Amino acid sequence: MRNLSNVVMRLCAALLVLSAFAAPARADEASLEARLRAVEDEKAIRDVMVQYGQYLDTLDFKAYSELFAREGTWSGNTTAYKPVKGPAEIRATMEKAFGERKYDPEHITNVHLVTNVKIDVAGDRATGWSRWTVVTANEKDEPFVRLTGVYEDVFIREDGHWKFLSRVARRAIAPASTQ
């Protein structure tokens, strides 16, 4: 009986030691999963920021407006910094502002560059900050920086996808002449 008690005690001690090692492994696994999720979220948000510029450059205002949440807002110089709310209103505003332009992939006239990106994710919301630059062709078909500024963003995960909840486009330097 005494031998059985010793065996049971040793078995309990061994299980206790093993469980001490198993707990940190589970915590590390959860931490790794959370870190992976944060990296995936940040990448998805960066993709939204890049698509914004692509759709604006190609004048695809339908796709552009779909980057915004149902309650999403956009404001900038075009609207005198008054927020425009919802994808339909955002699309209509952009079509009115840029409707006379036509996109020609053989003759690109505007390119939006997004740099110095900073994203902070907190669950299903995130904030972002970045610099934007618009490079345009002048009369000689030479590139020059026409506008530059900063984006101040709030993102939300809506229906499993990251979207702009708000985007403010502020100019940092006054527009340049066409040189």
N, C-alpha and C. Protein backbone atom coordinates (compact mmCIF):
# COMPACT_ATOMS: atom_id res chain seq x y z
N MET A 1 0.82 -1.19 0.00
CA MET A 1 0.00 0.00 0.00
C MET A 1 0.87 1.25 0.00
N ARG A 2 1.95 1.17 0.76
CA ARG A 2 2.85 2.31 0.84
C ARG A 2 3.48 2.57 -0.53
N ASN A 3 3.82 1.51 -1.26
CA ASN A 3 4.38 1.68 -2.60
C ASN A 3 3.37 2.34 -3.54
N LEU A 4 2.13 1.95 -3.39
CA LEU A 4 1.08 2.55 -4.23
C LEU A 4 0.94 4.04 -3.92
N SER A 5 1.03 4.40 -2.64
CA SER A 5 0.98 5.81 -2.25
C SER A 5 2.14 6.59 -2.84
N ASN A 6 3.32 6.01 -2.80
CA ASN A 6 4.49 6.67 -3.38
C ASN A 6 4.33 6.85 -4.88
N VAL A 7 3.81 5.85 -5.55
CA VAL A 7 3.60 5.92 -6.99
C VAL A 7 2.59 7.03 -7.32
N VAL A 8 1.51 7.06 -6.58
CA VAL A 8 0.47 8.08 -6.80
C VAL A 8 1.05 9.47 -6.53
N MET A 9 1.83 9.63 -5.46
CA MET A 9 2.44 10.92 -5.14
C MET A 9 3.40 11.36 -6.24
N ARG A 10 4.20 10.41 -6.72
CA ARG A 10 5.15 10.75 -7.79
C ARG A 10 4.40 11.10 -9.09
N LEU A 11 3.36 10.36 -9.34
CA LEU A 11 2.56 10.63 -10.54
C LEU A 11 1.91 12.02 -10.45
N CYS A 12 1.39 12.36 -9.29
CA CYS A 12 0.80 13.69 -9.10
C CYS A 12 1.86 14.78 -9.25
N ALA A 13 3.02 14.56 -8.69
CA ALA A 13 4.11 15.53 -8.80
C ALA A 13 4.51 15.70 -10.27
N ALA A 14 4.60 14.58 -10.98
CA ALA A 14 4.97 14.64 -12.40
C ALA A 14 3.92 15.40 -13.20
N LEU A 15 2.64 15.15 -12.92
CA LEU A 15 1.57 15.87 -13.61
C LEU A 15 1.60 17.36 -13.29
N LEU A 16 1.89 17.69 -12.05
CA LEU A 16 1.99 19.08 -11.66
C LEU A 16 3.13 19.78 -12.41
N VAL A 17 4.27 19.12 -12.51
CA VAL A 17 5.41 19.68 -13.24
C VAL A 17 5.06 19.83 -14.72
N LEU A 18 4.45 18.83 -15.31
CA LEU A 18 4.08 18.89 -16.73
C LEU A 18 3.06 19.99 -17.00
N SER A 19 2.10 20.14 -16.09
CA SER A 19 1.09 21.18 -16.30
C SER A 19 1.71 22.57 -16.21
N ALA A 20 2.75 22.72 -15.43
CA ALA A 20 3.44 24.01 -15.34
C ALA A 20 4.08 24.37 -16.68
N PHE A 21 4.57 23.36 -17.39
CA PHE A 21 5.15 23.61 -18.71
C PHE A 21 4.08 23.79 -19.78
N ALA A 22 2.96 23.14 -19.61
CA ALA A 22 1.89 23.22 -20.62
C ALA A 22 1.20 24.58 -20.60
N ALA A 23 1.03 25.19 -19.43
CA ALA A 23 0.35 26.47 -19.33
C ALA A 23 1.07 27.57 -20.12
N PRO A 24 2.38 27.72 -19.95
CA PRO A 24 3.04 28.74 -20.77
C PRO A 24 2.96 28.44 -22.27
N ALA A 25 2.96 27.19 -22.64
CA ALA A 25 2.85 26.85 -24.06
C ALA A 25 1.52 27.34 -24.61
N ARG A 26 0.45 27.13 -23.85
CA ARG A 26 -0.86 27.61 -24.29
C ARG A 26 -0.88 29.13 -24.34
N ALA A 27 -0.27 29.79 -23.36
CA ALA A 27 -0.22 31.25 -23.36
C ALA A 27 0.59 31.76 -24.54
N ASP A 28 1.73 31.10 -24.82
CA ASP A 28 2.55 31.50 -25.97
C ASP A 28 1.77 31.31 -27.26
N GLU A 29 1.02 30.22 -27.33
CA GLU A 29 0.22 29.94 -28.53
C GLU A 29 -0.83 31.02 -28.72
N ALA A 30 -1.49 31.42 -27.63
CA ALA A 30 -2.50 32.48 -27.71
C ALA A 30 -1.84 33.80 -28.09
N SER A 31 -0.68 34.07 -27.52
CA SER A 31 0.03 35.30 -27.84
C SER A 31 0.45 35.31 -29.31
N LEU A 32 0.93 34.20 -29.80
CA LEU A 32 1.32 34.10 -31.20
C LEU A 32 0.12 34.30 -32.11
N GLU A 33 -1.00 33.72 -31.74
CA GLU A 33 -2.23 33.88 -32.52
C GLU A 33 -2.67 35.34 -32.55
N ALA A 34 -2.60 36.02 -31.41
CA ALA A 34 -2.98 37.43 -31.33
C ALA A 34 -2.03 38.29 -32.16
N ARG A 35 -0.74 38.00 -32.08
CA ARG A 35 0.23 38.77 -32.87
C ARG A 35 0.02 38.55 -34.36
N LEU A 36 -0.26 37.33 -34.75
CA LEU A 36 -0.51 37.02 -36.16
C LEU A 36 -1.75 37.76 -36.64
N ARG A 37 -2.78 37.76 -35.84
CA ARG A 37 -4.02 38.48 -36.18
C ARG A 37 -3.75 39.97 -36.37
N ALA A 38 -2.93 40.55 -35.48
CA ALA A 38 -2.60 41.98 -35.59
C ALA A 38 -1.84 42.27 -36.88
N VAL A 39 -0.91 41.40 -37.25
CA VAL A 39 -0.16 41.60 -38.50
C VAL A 39 -1.09 41.47 -39.70
N GLU A 40 -1.96 40.47 -39.68
CA GLU A 40 -2.91 40.29 -40.78
C GLU A 40 -3.86 41.49 -40.88
N ASP A 41 -4.32 42.01 -39.74
CA ASP A 41 -5.20 43.17 -39.74
C ASP A 41 -4.48 44.39 -40.32
N GLU A 42 -3.24 44.60 -39.89
CA GLU A 42 -2.49 45.75 -40.40
C GLU A 42 -2.28 45.65 -41.91
N LYS A 43 -1.98 44.45 -42.40
CA LYS A 43 -1.79 44.27 -43.84
C LYS A 43 -3.10 44.56 -44.59
N ALA A 44 -4.20 44.07 -44.07
CA ALA A 44 -5.50 44.30 -44.71
C ALA A 44 -5.83 45.79 -44.76
N ILE A 45 -5.50 46.51 -43.70
CA ILE A 45 -5.74 47.96 -43.65
C ILE A 45 -4.83 48.67 -44.65
N ARG A 46 -3.56 48.27 -44.73
CA ARG A 46 -2.65 48.86 -45.72
C ARG A 46 -3.20 48.64 -47.14
N ASP A 47 -3.74 47.45 -47.38
CA ASP A 47 -4.32 47.17 -48.70
C ASP A 47 -5.46 48.14 -49.01
N VAL A 48 -6.29 48.43 -48.03
CA VAL A 48 -7.39 49.39 -48.22
C VAL A 48 -6.81 50.77 -48.57
N MET A 49 -5.75 51.16 -47.88
CA MET A 49 -5.13 52.46 -48.14
C MET A 49 -4.55 52.53 -49.56
N VAL A 50 -3.96 51.45 -50.01
CA VAL A 50 -3.39 51.40 -51.37
C VAL A 50 -4.51 51.38 -52.41
N GLN A 51 -5.54 50.58 -52.17
CA GLN A 51 -6.66 50.51 -53.11
C GLN A 51 -7.33 51.87 -53.26
N TYR A 52 -7.40 52.62 -52.19
CA TYR A 52 -7.98 53.97 -52.22
C TYR A 52 -7.30 54.80 -53.31
N GLY A 53 -5.97 54.82 -53.29
CA GLY A 53 -5.22 55.57 -54.29
C GLY A 53 -5.39 55.01 -55.69
N GLN A 54 -5.39 53.68 -55.80
CA GLN A 54 -5.56 53.05 -57.12
C GLN A 54 -6.91 53.39 -57.72
N TYR A 55 -7.97 53.27 -56.93
CA TYR A 55 -9.31 53.55 -57.44
C TYR A 55 -9.48 55.03 -57.77
N LEU A 56 -8.87 55.89 -56.97
CA LEU A 56 -8.94 57.32 -57.25
C LEU A 56 -8.19 57.63 -58.56
N ASP A 57 -7.01 57.04 -58.74
CA ASP A 57 -6.23 57.27 -59.96
C ASP A 57 -6.95 56.78 -61.21
N THR A 58 -7.67 55.66 -61.09
CA THR A 58 -8.37 55.09 -62.26
C THR A 58 -9.80 55.61 -62.38
N LEU A 59 -10.18 56.50 -61.48
CA LEU A 59 -11.52 57.11 -61.48
C LEU A 59 -12.63 56.06 -61.32
N ASP A 60 -12.33 54.99 -60.59
CA ASP A 60 -13.31 53.94 -60.31
C ASP A 60 -14.01 54.29 -59.00
N PHE A 61 -14.95 55.20 -59.08
CA PHE A 61 -15.58 55.71 -57.86
C PHE A 61 -16.56 54.73 -57.22
N LYS A 62 -17.02 53.75 -57.96
CA LYS A 62 -17.84 52.70 -57.37
C LYS A 62 -16.99 51.89 -56.39
N ALA A 63 -15.85 51.37 -56.88
CA ALA A 63 -14.95 50.59 -56.02
C ALA A 63 -14.40 51.46 -54.89
N TYR A 64 -14.07 52.70 -55.22
CA TYR A 64 -13.55 53.66 -54.24
C TYR A 64 -14.55 53.82 -53.08
N SER A 65 -15.80 54.04 -53.40
CA SER A 65 -16.80 54.28 -52.36
C SER A 65 -17.06 53.03 -51.51
N GLU A 66 -16.84 51.85 -52.09
CA GLU A 66 -17.04 50.60 -51.35
C GLU A 66 -15.95 50.34 -50.31
N LEU A 67 -14.91 51.15 -50.30
CA LEU A 67 -13.88 51.06 -49.26
C LEU A 67 -14.35 51.70 -47.95
N PHE A 68 -15.49 52.39 -48.00
CA PHE A 68 -16.02 53.06 -46.82
C PHE A 68 -17.13 52.24 -46.18
N ALA A 69 -17.17 52.27 -44.85
CA ALA A 69 -18.22 51.59 -44.09
C ALA A 69 -19.58 52.24 -44.38
N ARG A 70 -20.63 51.53 -44.03
CA ARG A 70 -21.98 52.07 -44.25
C ARG A 70 -22.15 53.45 -43.63
N GLU A 71 -21.53 53.67 -42.47
CA GLU A 71 -21.59 54.97 -41.79
C GLU A 71 -20.29 55.75 -41.99
N GLY A 72 -19.47 55.33 -42.95
CA GLY A 72 -18.18 55.95 -43.18
C GLY A 72 -18.28 57.37 -43.70
N THR A 73 -17.29 58.19 -43.35
CA THR A 73 -17.27 59.58 -43.81
C THR A 73 -15.93 59.89 -44.48
N TRP A 74 -15.99 60.82 -45.40
CA TRP A 74 -14.80 61.36 -46.05
C TRP A 74 -14.90 62.87 -45.99
N SER A 75 -13.79 63.54 -45.71
CA SER A 75 -13.77 65.00 -45.81
C SER A 75 -12.38 65.44 -46.24
N GLY A 76 -12.38 66.56 -46.94
CA GLY A 76 -11.13 67.11 -47.45
C GLY A 76 -11.40 68.43 -48.12
N ASN A 77 -10.41 68.92 -48.84
CA ASN A 77 -10.52 70.21 -49.50
C ASN A 77 -11.70 70.25 -50.48
N THR A 78 -11.97 69.12 -51.16
CA THR A 78 -13.06 69.04 -52.13
C THR A 78 -14.41 69.41 -51.51
N THR A 79 -14.59 69.08 -50.23
CA THR A 79 -15.86 69.34 -49.55
C THR A 79 -15.74 70.46 -48.51
N ALA A 80 -14.67 71.25 -48.60
CA ALA A 80 -14.40 72.29 -47.61
C ALA A 80 -14.36 71.68 -46.20
N TYR A 81 -13.90 70.46 -46.10
CA TYR A 81 -13.75 69.70 -44.86
C TYR A 81 -15.07 69.40 -44.16
N LYS A 82 -16.17 69.47 -44.88
CA LYS A 82 -17.46 69.02 -44.35
C LYS A 82 -17.56 67.53 -44.67
N PRO A 83 -17.83 66.70 -43.68
CA PRO A 83 -17.88 65.25 -43.94
C PRO A 83 -19.00 64.85 -44.90
N VAL A 84 -18.67 63.94 -45.79
CA VAL A 84 -19.64 63.32 -46.70
C VAL A 84 -19.84 61.92 -46.14
N LYS A 85 -21.11 61.49 -45.98
CA LYS A 85 -21.37 60.25 -45.24
C LYS A 85 -21.96 59.16 -46.12
N GLY A 86 -21.40 57.97 -46.00
CA GLY A 86 -21.93 56.78 -46.67
C GLY A 86 -21.38 56.61 -48.08
N PRO A 87 -21.21 55.37 -48.50
CA PRO A 87 -20.65 55.09 -49.83
C PRO A 87 -21.36 55.80 -50.99
N ALA A 88 -22.69 55.86 -50.98
CA ALA A 88 -23.42 56.49 -52.09
C ALA A 88 -23.11 57.99 -52.19
N GLU A 89 -23.11 58.67 -51.05
CA GLU A 89 -22.84 60.11 -51.05
C GLU A 89 -21.37 60.39 -51.39
N ILE A 90 -20.49 59.54 -50.90
CA ILE A 90 -19.06 59.70 -51.21
C ILE A 90 -18.83 59.51 -52.71
N ARG A 91 -19.46 58.50 -53.29
CA ARG A 91 -19.32 58.26 -54.74
C ARG A 91 -19.85 59.46 -55.53
N ALA A 92 -21.01 59.95 -55.18
CA ALA A 92 -21.60 61.09 -55.89
C ALA A 92 -20.71 62.32 -55.78
N THR A 93 -20.12 62.55 -54.61
CA THR A 93 -19.23 63.70 -54.42
C THR A 93 -18.00 63.59 -55.31
N MET A 94 -17.40 62.41 -55.37
CA MET A 94 -16.20 62.22 -56.20
C MET A 94 -16.54 62.33 -57.69
N GLU A 95 -17.66 61.76 -58.08
CA GLU A 95 -18.06 61.85 -59.50
C GLU A 95 -18.31 63.30 -59.90
N LYS A 96 -18.88 64.08 -59.00
CA LYS A 96 -19.12 65.50 -59.29
C LYS A 96 -17.79 66.25 -59.37
N ALA A 97 -16.88 65.95 -58.44
CA ALA A 97 -15.60 66.67 -58.40
C ALA A 97 -14.68 66.30 -59.55
N PHE A 98 -14.71 65.03 -59.98
CA PHE A 98 -13.75 64.56 -60.99
C PHE A 98 -14.42 64.00 -62.24
N GLY A 99 -15.71 64.23 -62.38
CA GLY A 99 -16.49 63.64 -63.47
C GLY A 99 -16.03 64.01 -64.86
N GLU A 100 -15.42 65.18 -65.03
CA GLU A 100 -14.99 65.59 -66.36
C GLU A 100 -13.72 64.86 -66.82
N ARG A 101 -13.02 64.24 -65.88
CA ARG A 101 -11.80 63.51 -66.24
C ARG A 101 -12.14 62.14 -66.80
N LYS A 102 -11.30 61.67 -67.68
CA LYS A 102 -11.44 60.31 -68.22
C LYS A 102 -10.13 59.58 -67.97
N TYR A 103 -10.24 58.34 -67.55
CA TYR A 103 -9.03 57.54 -67.30
C TYR A 103 -8.58 56.87 -68.59
N ASP A 104 -7.30 57.03 -68.90
CA ASP A 104 -6.69 56.40 -70.07
C ASP A 104 -5.43 55.68 -69.59
N PRO A 105 -5.47 54.34 -69.53
CA PRO A 105 -4.29 53.61 -69.02
C PRO A 105 -3.04 53.80 -69.88
N GLU A 106 -3.22 54.28 -71.11
CA GLU A 106 -2.06 54.54 -71.97
C GLU A 106 -1.47 55.93 -71.72
N HIS A 107 -2.21 56.77 -71.04
CA HIS A 107 -1.74 58.14 -70.77
C HIS A 107 -2.16 58.52 -69.34
N ILE A 108 -1.38 58.06 -68.37
CA ILE A 108 -1.67 58.32 -66.97
C ILE A 108 -1.38 59.79 -66.66
N THR A 109 -2.32 60.45 -66.03
CA THR A 109 -2.14 61.87 -65.71
C THR A 109 -2.01 62.15 -64.22
N ASN A 110 -2.45 61.23 -63.36
CA ASN A 110 -2.36 61.40 -61.91
C ASN A 110 -1.92 60.10 -61.26
N VAL A 111 -1.03 60.23 -60.28
CA VAL A 111 -0.62 59.07 -59.49
C VAL A 111 -0.62 59.49 -58.03
N HIS A 112 -1.34 58.74 -57.19
CA HIS A 112 -1.37 59.00 -55.75
C HIS A 112 -0.35 58.09 -55.07
N LEU A 113 0.51 58.70 -54.29
CA LEU A 113 1.50 57.95 -53.52
C LEU A 113 1.14 58.06 -52.04
N VAL A 114 1.19 56.94 -51.33
CA VAL A 114 0.92 56.93 -49.90
C VAL A 114 2.19 56.46 -49.20
N THR A 115 2.69 57.28 -48.26
CA THR A 115 3.94 56.96 -47.56
C THR A 115 3.80 57.23 -46.07
N ASN A 116 4.84 56.88 -45.32
CA ASN A 116 4.92 57.13 -43.88
C ASN A 116 3.68 56.63 -43.15
N VAL A 117 3.27 55.42 -43.46
CA VAL A 117 2.04 54.85 -42.93
C VAL A 117 2.23 54.40 -41.49
N LYS A 118 1.29 54.78 -40.64
CA LYS A 118 1.25 54.37 -39.23
C LYS A 118 -0.15 53.85 -38.96
N ILE A 119 -0.24 52.60 -38.48
CA ILE A 119 -1.54 51.97 -38.19
C ILE A 119 -1.49 51.41 -36.78
N ASP A 120 -2.54 51.67 -36.01
CA ASP A 120 -2.69 51.10 -34.68
C ASP A 120 -4.02 50.36 -34.62
N VAL A 121 -3.95 49.05 -34.42
CA VAL A 121 -5.14 48.19 -34.40
C VAL A 121 -5.54 47.93 -32.96
N ALA A 122 -6.84 48.03 -32.69
CA ALA A 122 -7.40 47.73 -31.37
C ALA A 122 -8.71 46.97 -31.58
N GLY A 123 -8.60 45.65 -31.69
CA GLY A 123 -9.78 44.83 -31.91
C GLY A 123 -10.34 45.04 -33.30
N ASP A 124 -11.62 45.44 -33.37
CA ASP A 124 -12.28 45.65 -34.66
C ASP A 124 -12.24 47.10 -35.12
N ARG A 125 -11.38 47.89 -34.49
CA ARG A 125 -11.18 49.28 -34.89
C ARG A 125 -9.69 49.54 -35.00
N ALA A 126 -9.37 50.57 -35.77
CA ALA A 126 -7.97 50.95 -35.92
C ALA A 126 -7.90 52.42 -36.29
N THR A 127 -6.75 53.01 -36.04
CA THR A 127 -6.49 54.36 -36.51
C THR A 127 -5.30 54.31 -37.45
N GLY A 128 -5.25 55.27 -38.34
CA GLY A 128 -4.15 55.33 -39.29
C GLY A 128 -3.77 56.76 -39.58
N TRP A 129 -2.53 56.93 -39.97
CA TRP A 129 -2.01 58.23 -40.36
C TRP A 129 -1.01 57.97 -41.48
N SER A 130 -1.06 58.78 -42.51
CA SER A 130 -0.11 58.62 -43.62
C SER A 130 0.03 59.94 -44.37
N ARG A 131 1.08 60.00 -45.15
CA ARG A 131 1.28 61.14 -46.05
C ARG A 131 0.81 60.75 -47.44
N TRP A 132 0.26 61.70 -48.16
CA TRP A 132 -0.13 61.46 -49.55
C TRP A 132 0.49 62.51 -50.44
N THR A 133 0.77 62.09 -51.65
CA THR A 133 1.35 62.97 -52.66
C THR A 133 0.68 62.66 -53.99
N VAL A 134 0.30 63.69 -54.72
CA VAL A 134 -0.25 63.50 -56.05
C VAL A 134 0.78 64.01 -57.06
N VAL A 135 1.21 63.09 -57.91
CA VAL A 135 2.13 63.44 -58.99
C VAL A 135 1.30 63.55 -60.26
N THR A 136 1.47 64.63 -60.99
CA THR A 136 0.66 64.92 -62.17
C THR A 136 1.59 65.25 -63.34
N ALA A 137 1.09 65.04 -64.54
CA ALA A 137 1.83 65.44 -65.75
C ALA A 137 1.53 66.89 -66.08
N ASN A 138 2.57 67.66 -66.41
CA ASN A 138 2.36 69.05 -66.82
C ASN A 138 2.12 69.12 -68.34
N GLU A 139 2.10 70.34 -68.87
CA GLU A 139 1.83 70.51 -70.31
C GLU A 139 2.84 69.80 -71.19
N LYS A 140 4.07 69.63 -70.69
CA LYS A 140 5.13 68.95 -71.46
C LYS A 140 5.11 67.43 -71.20
N ASP A 141 4.10 66.98 -70.48
CA ASP A 141 3.96 65.57 -70.11
C ASP A 141 5.08 65.11 -69.17
N GLU A 142 5.56 66.05 -68.36
CA GLU A 142 6.60 65.74 -67.37
C GLU A 142 5.93 65.65 -66.00
N PRO A 143 6.39 64.73 -65.15
CA PRO A 143 5.79 64.61 -63.82
C PRO A 143 6.23 65.74 -62.89
N PHE A 144 5.29 66.17 -62.06
CA PHE A 144 5.62 67.11 -60.99
C PHE A 144 4.66 66.87 -59.83
N VAL A 145 5.09 67.23 -58.64
CA VAL A 145 4.25 67.07 -57.45
C VAL A 145 3.24 68.21 -57.46
N ARG A 146 1.97 67.84 -57.58
CA ARG A 146 0.90 68.84 -57.63
C ARG A 146 0.33 69.13 -56.24
N LEU A 147 0.14 68.08 -55.44
CA LEU A 147 -0.44 68.24 -54.11
C LEU A 147 0.24 67.29 -53.14
N THR A 148 0.21 67.65 -51.88
CA THR A 148 0.70 66.75 -50.84
C THR A 148 -0.05 67.06 -49.54
N GLY A 149 -0.14 66.08 -48.70
CA GLY A 149 -0.85 66.27 -47.44
C GLY A 149 -0.77 65.04 -46.56
N VAL A 150 -1.72 64.95 -45.63
CA VAL A 150 -1.78 63.81 -44.72
C VAL A 150 -3.21 63.26 -44.69
N TYR A 151 -3.30 61.96 -44.46
CA TYR A 151 -4.58 61.31 -44.22
C TYR A 151 -4.66 60.99 -42.73
N GLU A 152 -5.79 61.26 -42.13
CA GLU A 152 -6.10 60.88 -40.75
C GLU A 152 -7.28 59.93 -40.84
N ASP A 153 -7.06 58.68 -40.44
CA ASP A 153 -8.06 57.64 -40.68
C ASP A 153 -8.53 56.95 -39.41
N VAL A 154 -9.78 56.51 -39.45
CA VAL A 154 -10.32 55.57 -38.48
C VAL A 154 -10.91 54.43 -39.32
N PHE A 155 -10.57 53.21 -38.95
CA PHE A 155 -11.03 52.02 -39.67
C PHE A 155 -11.94 51.20 -38.77
N ILE A 156 -12.81 50.42 -39.40
CA ILE A 156 -13.67 49.51 -38.68
C ILE A 156 -13.76 48.20 -39.48
N ARG A 157 -13.81 47.10 -38.73
CA ARG A 157 -14.05 45.81 -39.39
C ARG A 157 -15.57 45.68 -39.53
N GLU A 158 -16.04 45.68 -40.77
CA GLU A 158 -17.47 45.61 -41.05
C GLU A 158 -17.72 44.41 -41.95
N ASP A 159 -18.58 43.52 -41.52
CA ASP A 159 -18.88 42.30 -42.27
C ASP A 159 -17.60 41.54 -42.63
N GLY A 160 -16.64 41.53 -41.70
CA GLY A 160 -15.40 40.78 -41.89
C GLY A 160 -14.34 41.47 -42.71
N HIS A 161 -14.59 42.70 -43.16
CA HIS A 161 -13.63 43.43 -43.99
C HIS A 161 -13.31 44.78 -43.36
N TRP A 162 -12.05 45.20 -43.48
CA TRP A 162 -11.66 46.51 -42.98
C TRP A 162 -12.14 47.59 -43.94
N LYS A 163 -12.71 48.64 -43.38
CA LYS A 163 -13.25 49.76 -44.16
C LYS A 163 -12.90 51.07 -43.45
N PHE A 164 -12.95 52.14 -44.21
CA PHE A 164 -12.80 53.46 -43.60
C PHE A 164 -14.07 53.80 -42.84
N LEU A 165 -13.93 54.12 -41.57
CA LEU A 165 -15.04 54.70 -40.81
C LEU A 165 -14.99 56.22 -40.98
N SER A 166 -13.77 56.74 -41.06
CA SER A 166 -13.60 58.15 -41.43
C SER A 166 -12.23 58.33 -42.06
N ARG A 167 -12.19 59.21 -43.04
CA ARG A 167 -10.93 59.60 -43.67
C ARG A 167 -10.97 61.10 -43.88
N VAL A 168 -9.96 61.76 -43.34
CA VAL A 168 -9.80 63.21 -43.53
C VAL A 168 -8.52 63.38 -44.34
N ALA A 169 -8.64 64.06 -45.47
CA ALA A 169 -7.49 64.35 -46.33
C ALA A 169 -7.13 65.81 -46.17
N ARG A 170 -6.03 66.08 -45.48
CA ARG A 170 -5.61 67.45 -45.24
C ARG A 170 -4.42 67.80 -46.14
N ARG A 171 -4.45 68.97 -46.71
CA ARG A 171 -3.30 69.43 -47.49
C ARG A 171 -2.21 69.93 -46.56
N ALA A 172 -0.97 69.59 -46.89
CA ALA A 172 0.15 70.01 -46.07
C ALA A 172 0.89 71.19 -46.70
N ILE A 173 0.90 71.22 -48.01
CA ILE A 173 1.60 72.29 -48.75
C ILE A 173 0.62 72.78 -49.82
N ALA A 174 0.61 74.07 -50.05
CA ALA A 174 -0.28 74.64 -51.06
C ALA A 174 0.00 74.05 -52.43
N PRO A 175 -1.03 73.96 -53.28
CA PRO A 175 -0.85 73.40 -54.63
C PRO A 175 0.24 74.12 -55.40
N ALA A 176 1.02 73.34 -56.16
CA ALA A 176 2.08 73.91 -56.99
C ALA A 176 1.54 74.31 -58.34
N SER A 177 2.25 75.18 -59.01
CA SER A 177 1.88 75.52 -60.38
C SER A 177 2.33 74.37 -61.28
N THR A 178 1.94 74.37 -62.53
CA THR A 178 2.29 73.28 -63.44
C THR A 178 3.70 73.39 -63.96
N GLN A 179 4.44 74.40 -63.57
CA GLN A 179 5.86 74.60 -63.93
C GLN A 179 6.05 74.63 -65.42
